[in-house]
Protein backbone atom coordinates (compact mmCIF):
# COMPACT_ATOMS: atom_id res chain seq x y z
CA MET A 1 -3.73 14.21 -7.65
CA GLN A 2 -2.64 17.40 -9.38
CA VAL A 3 -2.49 19.31 -6.10
CA GLY A 4 -0.54 16.48 -4.52
CA ALA A 5 1.95 16.45 -7.42
CA VAL A 6 2.49 20.21 -7.13
CA LEU A 7 3.09 19.97 -3.37
CA ILE A 8 5.57 17.12 -3.87
CA MET A 9 7.47 19.23 -6.42
CA ILE A 10 7.60 22.18 -4.03
CA GLY A 11 8.81 19.96 -1.19
CA ALA A 12 11.39 18.25 -3.41
CA ALA A 13 12.68 21.62 -4.64
CA ILE A 14 13.12 22.84 -1.06
CA LEU A 15 14.95 19.65 -0.09
CA THR A 16 17.21 19.83 -3.12
CA ALA A 17 18.23 23.39 -2.25
CA VAL A 18 18.43 22.67 1.48
CA LYS A 19 20.88 24.77 3.48
CA THR A 20 19.59 24.45 7.03
CA GLU A 21 17.82 21.93 9.22
CA SER A 22 14.69 24.11 9.15
CA MET A 23 14.59 23.93 5.35
CA ALA A 24 14.94 20.14 5.50
CA VAL A 25 12.04 19.82 7.97
CA GLY A 26 9.87 22.28 6.01
CA GLY A 27 10.56 20.60 2.69
CA ARG A 28 9.81 17.15 4.10
CA PHE A 29 6.59 18.47 5.64
CA VAL A 30 5.32 19.90 2.34
CA LEU A 31 6.40 16.79 0.43
CA GLY A 32 4.63 14.60 2.99
CA TRP A 33 1.37 16.51 2.55
CA GLY A 34 1.60 16.04 -1.19
CA VAL A 35 2.21 12.31 -0.83
CA ALA A 36 -0.76 12.01 1.55
CA LEU A 37 -3.06 13.74 -0.94
CA GLY A 38 -1.85 11.64 -3.84
CA THR A 39 -1.97 8.30 -2.05
CA SER A 40 -5.53 8.89 -0.85
CA ALA A 41 -6.85 10.11 -4.22
CA ALA A 42 -5.07 7.82 -6.69
CA PRO A 43 -6.33 4.39 -5.51
CA THR A 44 -9.88 5.74 -5.19
CA TYR A 45 -9.69 7.02 -8.77
CA ALA A 46 -8.28 3.72 -10.02
CA LEU A 47 -11.04 1.83 -8.23
CA GLU A 48 -13.73 3.92 -9.97
CA LEU A 49 -12.32 3.41 -13.46
CA ALA A 50 -11.28 -0.24 -13.21
CA PRO A 51 -13.84 -2.76 -14.53
CA PRO A 52 -15.13 -4.89 -11.62
CA HIS A 53 -13.36 -8.09 -12.72
CA TRP A 54 -10.04 -6.28 -13.22
CA ARG A 55 -10.25 -4.08 -10.14
CA ALA A 56 -7.98 -6.07 -7.83
CA ARG A 57 -5.20 -6.40 -10.40
CA ILE A 58 -5.29 -2.79 -11.56
CA VAL A 59 -5.44 -1.23 -8.09
CA GLY A 60 -2.90 -3.80 -6.89
CA PHE A 61 -0.44 -2.69 -9.57
CA TYR A 62 -0.92 0.90 -8.36
CA ASN A 63 0.91 0.09 -5.13
CA THR A 64 3.40 -2.11 -6.94
CA PHE A 65 4.83 0.91 -8.74
CA PHE A 66 6.26 1.97 -5.40
CA TYR A 67 9.18 -0.23 -6.33
CA ALA A 68 9.84 1.69 -9.54
CA GLY A 69 10.73 4.62 -7.30
CA SER A 70 12.48 2.39 -4.79
CA ILE A 71 14.76 0.82 -7.41
CA LEU A 72 15.54 4.23 -8.90
CA SER A 73 16.24 5.87 -5.53
CA THR A 74 18.39 3.06 -4.13
CA GLY A 75 20.28 2.75 -7.42
CA VAL A 76 20.99 6.49 -7.51
CA ALA A 77 21.97 6.47 -3.83
CA TYR A 78 24.46 3.67 -4.52
CA ALA A 79 25.96 5.58 -7.46
CA SER A 80 25.96 9.01 -5.80
CA ALA A 81 27.67 7.64 -2.70
CA LYS A 82 30.82 7.40 -4.79
CA MET A 83 30.63 11.08 -5.76
CA LYS A 84 32.37 13.94 -4.04
CA GLY A 85 30.84 17.08 -2.55
CA GLU A 86 27.21 18.14 -2.19
CA VAL A 87 26.09 16.36 -5.36
CA ALA A 88 26.30 13.09 -3.41
CA PHE A 89 23.15 14.00 -1.48
CA ARG A 90 21.54 16.67 -3.69
CA LEU A 91 21.26 14.36 -6.71
CA PRO A 92 18.96 11.79 -5.00
CA LEU A 93 16.88 14.62 -3.50
CA GLY A 94 16.60 16.40 -6.84
CA LEU A 95 15.39 13.29 -8.64
CA GLN A 96 12.23 13.48 -6.51
CA LEU A 97 11.11 16.24 -8.87
CA GLY A 98 10.81 13.81 -11.79
CA PRO A 99 7.84 11.55 -10.89
CA PRO A 100 5.43 14.33 -9.78
CA ILE A 101 6.12 16.21 -13.03
CA ILE A 102 5.18 13.06 -14.97
CA ILE A 103 2.05 12.66 -12.82
CA LEU A 104 1.03 16.29 -13.29
CA ILE A 105 1.39 16.04 -17.07
CA GLY A 106 -0.30 12.64 -17.11
CA THR A 107 -3.40 13.91 -15.32
CA LEU A 108 -4.05 16.19 -18.29
CA PHE A 109 -4.61 13.16 -20.52
CA ILE A 110 -6.77 10.92 -18.31
CA PRO A 111 -10.57 11.17 -17.87
CA GLU A 112 -12.08 12.94 -14.92
CA SER A 113 -13.46 10.91 -12.02
CA PRO A 114 -16.99 9.72 -12.97
CA ARG A 115 -18.12 10.22 -9.41
CA TRP A 116 -16.87 13.82 -9.38
CA LEU A 117 -18.73 14.45 -12.66
CA CYS A 118 -21.93 13.13 -11.10
CA TRP A 119 -21.33 15.40 -8.11
CA LYS A 120 -21.17 18.36 -10.52
CA GLY A 121 -24.37 17.28 -12.26
CA ARG A 122 -22.62 16.03 -15.41
CA GLN A 123 -24.24 12.58 -15.50
CA GLU A 124 -23.95 12.25 -19.27
CA ASP A 125 -20.18 12.83 -19.19
CA ALA A 126 -19.87 10.34 -16.34
CA ALA A 127 -21.93 7.78 -18.25
CA ARG A 128 -19.75 8.24 -21.32
CA ILE A 129 -16.57 7.52 -19.35
CA LEU A 130 -18.08 4.53 -17.54
CA ALA A 131 -19.36 3.17 -20.86
CA GLU A 132 -15.89 3.39 -22.38
CA TYR A 133 -14.25 1.48 -19.53
CA HIS A 134 -17.05 -0.73 -18.17
CA GLY A 135 -19.73 -1.03 -20.86
CA ASN A 136 -17.93 -1.62 -24.14
CA GLY A 137 -19.05 1.84 -25.31
CA ASP A 138 -22.72 1.23 -24.43
CA MET A 139 -24.07 3.96 -22.12
CA GLN A 140 -27.15 1.80 -21.43
CA HIS A 141 -25.06 -1.17 -20.33
CA PRO A 142 -26.47 -2.62 -17.06
CA VAL A 143 -23.15 -2.17 -15.23
CA VAL A 144 -22.93 1.49 -16.32
CA GLN A 145 -26.48 2.21 -15.22
CA MET A 146 -25.98 0.40 -11.92
CA GLU A 147 -22.82 2.40 -11.15
CA LEU A 148 -24.44 5.71 -12.10
CA LYS A 149 -27.35 4.93 -9.80
CA GLU A 150 -24.96 4.06 -6.98
CA PHE A 151 -23.03 7.33 -7.51
CA GLU A 152 -26.20 9.40 -7.47
CA GLN A 153 -27.51 7.73 -4.32
CA SER A 154 -24.23 8.12 -2.45
CA ILE A 155 -23.84 11.74 -3.56
CA GLU A 156 -27.32 12.62 -2.33
CA LEU A 157 -26.44 11.07 1.00
CA GLN A 158 -23.05 12.77 1.14
CA LYS A 159 -24.50 16.20 0.35
CA SER A 160 -26.61 15.93 3.47
CA VAL A 161 -23.49 15.37 5.59
CA LYS A 162 -21.02 18.07 6.62
CA TRP A 163 -17.49 17.82 5.24
CA TYR A 164 -16.11 17.41 8.75
CA ASP A 165 -18.59 14.67 9.70
CA TYR A 166 -16.89 11.27 9.69
CA SER A 167 -19.71 9.43 11.45
CA ALA A 168 -20.47 7.48 8.26
CA LEU A 169 -17.36 5.43 9.03
CA TYR A 170 -18.69 4.16 12.37
CA LYS A 171 -22.41 4.93 12.61
CA ASP A 172 -23.73 1.35 12.39
CA HIS A 173 -22.74 -2.33 12.42
CA ASN A 174 -22.01 -2.33 8.70
CA ALA A 175 -19.80 0.77 8.81
CA ARG A 176 -17.90 -0.33 11.91
CA TRP A 177 -16.92 -3.66 10.34
CA ARG A 178 -15.76 -1.90 7.20
CA PHE A 179 -13.69 0.57 9.21
CA LEU A 180 -12.26 -2.29 11.29
CA MET A 181 -10.95 -3.92 8.10
CA VAL A 182 -9.33 -0.62 7.05
CA THR A 183 -7.72 -0.28 10.48
CA PHE A 184 -6.41 -3.85 10.39
CA MET A 185 -4.84 -3.27 6.98
CA SER A 186 -3.42 0.16 7.85
CA TYR A 187 -1.58 -0.97 10.97
CA PHE A 188 -0.79 -4.58 10.10
CA ALA A 189 0.78 -3.62 6.78
CA GLN A 190 3.09 -1.07 8.42
CA LEU A 191 3.90 -2.99 11.60
CA SER A 192 4.86 -6.35 10.15
CA GLY A 193 8.57 -5.64 9.87
CA ASN A 194 8.54 -4.13 6.39
CA SER A 195 9.33 -0.62 7.58
CA VAL A 196 12.42 -1.96 9.33
CA LEU A 197 13.56 -3.09 5.87
CA THR A 198 12.49 0.17 4.25
CA TYR A 199 14.19 2.57 6.65
CA TYR A 200 16.84 0.52 8.43
CA LEU A 201 17.93 -2.13 5.95
CA PRO A 202 21.63 -1.10 6.18
CA ALA A 203 21.37 -1.47 9.97
CA MET A 204 19.97 -4.98 9.46
CA TYR A 205 22.98 -5.85 7.34
CA SER A 206 25.22 -4.50 10.10
CA LEU A 207 23.62 -6.98 12.50
CA LEU A 208 24.75 -9.70 10.08
CA GLY A 209 28.34 -8.53 10.26
CA ILE A 210 28.32 -6.62 6.96
CA THR A 211 30.23 -3.41 7.66
CA SER A 212 31.13 -2.18 4.16
CA THR A 213 28.96 0.85 3.28
CA ASP A 214 29.36 0.14 -0.41
CA ARG A 215 28.16 -3.45 -0.07
CA ARG A 216 25.22 -2.46 2.16
CA LEU A 217 24.03 0.09 -0.43
CA LEU A 218 24.40 -2.46 -3.20
CA LEU A 219 22.40 -5.04 -1.24
CA THR A 220 19.69 -2.45 -0.54
CA PHE A 221 19.45 -1.79 -4.29
CA ALA A 222 19.26 -5.53 -5.02
CA ASN A 223 16.58 -6.00 -2.37
CA SER A 224 14.38 -3.41 -4.10
CA ILE A 225 14.54 -5.43 -7.32
CA VAL A 226 13.66 -8.69 -5.56
CA SER A 227 10.79 -7.04 -3.68
CA CYS A 228 9.50 -5.55 -6.93
CA PHE A 229 9.31 -9.06 -8.40
CA GLY A 230 7.27 -10.20 -5.38
CA ALA A 231 4.90 -7.25 -5.74
CA VAL A 232 4.33 -7.87 -9.46
CA VAL A 233 3.55 -11.56 -8.88
CA GLY A 234 1.30 -10.63 -5.95
CA SER A 235 -0.65 -8.13 -8.04
CA ALA A 236 -1.03 -10.59 -10.90
CA THR A 237 -2.49 -13.21 -8.53
CA ASN A 238 -4.86 -10.88 -6.65
CA ASP A 239 -7.88 -12.44 -8.35
CA ALA A 240 -6.54 -15.98 -8.19
CA MET A 241 -6.17 -15.98 -4.40
CA GLY A 242 -8.68 -14.72 -1.90
CA ARG A 243 -7.68 -11.59 -0.01
CA ARG A 244 -8.18 -13.28 3.35
CA THR A 245 -6.23 -16.37 2.28
CA LYS A 246 -3.31 -14.33 0.99
CA LEU A 247 -3.22 -12.26 4.18
CA TYR A 248 -3.30 -15.04 6.78
CA LEU A 249 -0.91 -17.32 4.87
CA GLY A 250 1.33 -14.38 4.08
CA SER A 251 1.46 -13.41 7.75
CA ALA A 252 2.55 -16.94 8.65
CA VAL A 253 5.30 -16.87 6.01
CA LEU A 254 6.52 -13.45 7.17
CA ALA A 255 6.69 -14.64 10.77
CA SER A 256 8.69 -17.73 9.73
CA LEU A 257 11.16 -15.83 7.56
CA LEU A 258 11.74 -13.14 10.15
CA ALA A 259 12.26 -15.80 12.82
CA ILE A 260 15.06 -17.26 10.68
CA VAL A 261 16.60 -13.80 10.21
CA THR A 262 16.41 -13.34 13.97
CA ALA A 263 18.16 -16.63 14.65
CA ILE A 264 20.95 -15.89 12.17
CA SER A 265 21.41 -12.32 13.43
CA SER A 266 21.79 -13.62 16.98
CA GLN A 267 25.00 -15.34 15.84
CA PHE A 268 26.59 -11.94 15.20
CA ALA A 269 25.50 -10.33 18.49
CA THR A 270 28.96 -10.02 20.05
CA PRO A 271 32.52 -9.60 18.71
CA GLU A 272 33.29 -13.14 19.87
CA LEU A 273 30.35 -14.60 17.94
CA LYS A 274 31.18 -12.52 14.87
CA ALA A 275 34.69 -13.95 14.87
CA LYS A 276 33.28 -17.49 14.83
CA ALA A 277 30.49 -16.86 12.29
CA SER A 278 31.19 -17.82 8.69
CA PRO A 279 30.54 -15.66 5.59
CA ALA A 280 28.10 -18.32 4.46
CA LEU A 281 25.94 -17.66 7.53
CA SER A 282 25.95 -13.94 6.81
CA ASN A 283 24.97 -14.58 3.20
CA ALA A 284 22.16 -16.84 4.38
CA GLY A 285 20.87 -13.99 6.54
CA VAL A 286 20.90 -11.67 3.52
CA ALA A 287 19.02 -14.28 1.46
CA PHE A 288 16.26 -14.56 4.06
CA ILE A 289 16.00 -10.77 4.30
CA PHE A 290 15.47 -10.74 0.53
CA LEU A 291 12.85 -13.49 0.83
CA PHE A 292 11.09 -11.55 3.59
CA GLY A 293 10.97 -8.45 1.35
CA ALA A 294 9.57 -10.46 -1.56
CA ALA A 295 6.98 -12.21 0.66
CA TYR A 296 5.84 -8.90 2.16
CA SER A 297 5.57 -7.37 -1.31
CA PHE A 298 3.58 -10.37 -2.54
CA THR A 299 1.19 -10.20 0.41
CA TYR A 300 0.63 -6.60 1.41
CA THR A 301 1.87 -4.33 -1.39
CA PRO A 302 -0.90 -5.28 -3.87
CA LEU A 303 -3.63 -5.28 -1.22
CA THR A 304 -2.98 -2.28 1.00
CA ALA A 305 -4.81 0.22 -1.21
CA THR A 306 -7.03 -2.34 -2.97
CA TYR A 307 -8.55 -3.89 0.13
CA CYS A 308 -9.16 -0.60 1.93
CA ALA A 309 -10.88 0.91 -1.12
CA GLU A 310 -12.96 -2.26 -1.66
CA VAL A 311 -14.35 -2.48 1.85
CA LEU A 312 -15.33 1.19 2.11
CA LYS A 313 -18.72 2.40 0.89
CA THR A 314 -18.73 4.78 -2.04
CA GLU A 315 -20.02 7.72 -0.02
CA GLY A 316 -17.34 7.30 2.64
CA ARG A 317 -14.46 6.09 0.49
CA ALA A 318 -12.63 9.41 0.15
CA LYS A 319 -12.75 10.10 3.88
CA GLY A 320 -11.98 6.48 4.70
CA MET A 321 -8.92 6.45 2.46
CA GLY A 322 -7.79 9.65 4.13
CA ILE A 323 -8.06 7.98 7.54
CA HIS A 324 -6.18 4.98 6.11
CA VAL A 325 -3.29 7.28 5.17
CA ILE A 326 -3.31 8.87 8.64
CA GLN A 327 -3.30 5.47 10.34
CA SER A 328 -0.48 4.20 8.12
CA ASN A 329 1.59 7.31 8.79
CA SER A 330 1.00 7.06 12.53
CA ALA A 331 2.36 3.51 12.41
CA ASN A 332 5.34 4.74 10.40
CA LEU A 333 5.92 7.44 13.00
CA TYR A 334 6.53 4.63 15.47
CA ASN A 335 8.80 2.84 12.99
CA THR A 336 10.83 5.96 12.31
CA TYR A 337 11.47 7.00 15.90
CA VAL A 338 11.42 3.74 17.85
CA THR A 339 13.33 1.39 15.55
CA GLN A 340 16.64 3.24 15.77
CA ILE A 341 16.39 3.28 19.59
CA ALA A 342 15.50 -0.43 19.63
CA PHE A 343 18.39 -1.41 17.38
CA ARG A 344 20.79 0.57 19.55
CA ASN A 345 19.59 -1.01 22.80
CA VAL A 346 18.40 -4.55 22.04
CA GLY A 347 19.76 -5.21 18.54
CA TRP A 348 18.52 -8.38 16.86
CA LYS A 349 16.03 -9.10 19.67
CA TYR A 350 13.84 -6.33 18.27
CA TYR A 351 12.90 -8.67 15.42
CA LEU A 352 11.07 -10.90 17.91
CA LEU A 353 8.40 -8.22 18.30
CA PHE A 354 7.50 -8.46 14.62
CA VAL A 355 7.64 -12.25 14.64
CA CYS A 356 4.99 -12.26 17.36
CA LEU A 357 2.96 -9.56 15.64
CA ASN A 358 2.87 -11.45 12.35
CA VAL A 359 1.71 -14.61 14.11
CA THR A 360 -1.06 -12.53 15.71
CA TYR A 361 -1.99 -10.98 12.37
CA GLY A 362 -2.32 -14.44 10.83
CA PHE A 363 -4.88 -15.46 13.44
CA VAL A 364 -6.73 -12.14 13.14
CA TRP A 365 -7.00 -12.38 9.35
CA PHE A 366 -8.07 -16.03 9.53
CA PHE A 367 -10.86 -15.51 12.06
CA PHE A 368 -11.92 -11.90 11.42
CA GLY A 369 -10.82 -11.04 7.87
CA VAL A 370 -13.66 -10.31 5.44
CA GLU A 371 -13.19 -11.81 1.98
CA THR A 372 -13.96 -9.40 -0.89
CA ARG A 373 -12.83 -11.40 -3.93
CA GLY A 374 -15.52 -12.21 -6.48
CA ARG A 375 -18.06 -9.65 -5.28
CA THR A 376 -19.08 -6.27 -6.58
CA LEU A 377 -18.83 -3.32 -4.22
CA GLU A 378 -22.62 -3.32 -4.02
CA GLN A 379 -22.88 -6.99 -3.06
CA LEU A 380 -20.46 -6.40 -0.20
CA GLU A 381 -23.29 -4.42 1.41
CA ASP A 382 -25.07 -7.70 2.18
CA VAL A 383 -21.87 -9.21 3.53
CA PHE A 384 -21.24 -6.37 5.97
CA ASN A 385 -24.91 -6.28 7.01
CA ALA A 386 -24.59 -9.89 8.18
CA LYS A 387 -24.32 -10.57 11.90
CA PHE A 388 -20.74 -11.85 11.45
CA PRO A 389 -19.34 -10.55 8.11
CA PRO A 390 -16.22 -12.79 8.05
CA ARG A 391 -18.42 -15.90 7.91
CA ALA A 392 -20.85 -14.37 5.41
CA SER A 393 -18.00 -13.37 3.11
CA LEU A 394 -16.91 -17.01 2.72
CA GLN A 395 -20.10 -17.93 0.85
CA LYS A 396 -19.11 -18.74 -2.71
CA THR A 397 -20.25 -16.61 -5.64
CA THR A 398 -20.84 -17.21 -9.32
CA MET A 399 -19.61 -14.58 -11.77
CA VAL A 400 -21.38 -14.21 -15.12
CA GLN A 401 -19.56 -12.20 -17.81
CA ARG A 402 -20.57 -11.16 -21.29
CA ASN A 403 -18.32 -9.36 -23.77
CA GLY A 404 -15.63 -9.17 -21.11
CA HIS A 405 -17.80 -7.32 -18.60
CA LEU A 406 -19.45 -8.43 -15.39
CA GLU A 407 -23.24 -8.56 -15.82
CA ASN A 408 -24.54 -10.63 -12.96
CA LEU A 409 -23.37 -12.01 -9.67
CA GLU A 410 -25.29 -14.53 -7.60
CA ASP A 411 -24.69 -16.34 -4.34
CA VAL A 412 -24.62 -20.08 -4.63
């Protein structure tokens, strides 16, 4: 995380001082590497430190803080658009230096990864940290001892594997199902229409007949706030709703909302239609775009990192999360380069692709999604060893807690 923060600062500094296109590309490249390092390390770290019964909420809130940056960046962009000269674009770029500085300083005050300590042979230090967060200060707590044993076993296995060997992610039935869940989440989360909102929201407003740059920036800022609300509620309910349930119902809602946005946008497709369309219809389109953003944030934002980290084995989690970042970025590569071409050539009809995709995702999550709620990471081993993990994961579990900590988990 520290290395990632430093790279982000370097990239942000280059972008802030940008003079040429080459500097812009180079700065964005360095910044992107830093983001990739941070987004693969941070959720894994949070997963290790979070107590089992709080894991989904804590790791879910990790992704939710995306909107803290989104609200800040869109708000600054709206304000700086009114400024004159280079400050109009250098101010938003320069503000990217703030968060990584906070992260870099913050990492000096948080405990080291227990798994990394075990890797370095510092089992006592690892046990002390796990006891503080998982065992109510008791280093002999059953949960602490179980996790230490799991770390040691996975480290022994990992030490026998080369750093470039990723076969643990696909070597057997268990691993392939786990990796399939990561792949589903990586691509479905990025190709459900959310990136169209993230990168081309002003263009979406244009399709609704909103031509004022000032109003489009203001609506983009407001959408970030609404989406943040959806993400916070989604994170808070991660343990109340099953992952699979949230994903297949969420996909159905996203498809429905985007279908409505598509229908409304079609009424602004030509100058003749725009002349006939009422402001109320345009406002309705904006409202459903806001609802789509909130629904996406409720469904995917809290689960993208959480679910991927949950389904991966401890020994392959770091590599698996790295692959998750690569898959997500490859999907965003499509969004970045194809969406602008699609909007230019087919306009509102491009939304139909994501309507169909979300319907497909709903069926995939319903029939093939593996439920992880209510199970420890260790108990998921039995689920993924089953002939058909999605069915095995629907067996109910009983959670037994004492002093606020998970002590036993049994199938019923």
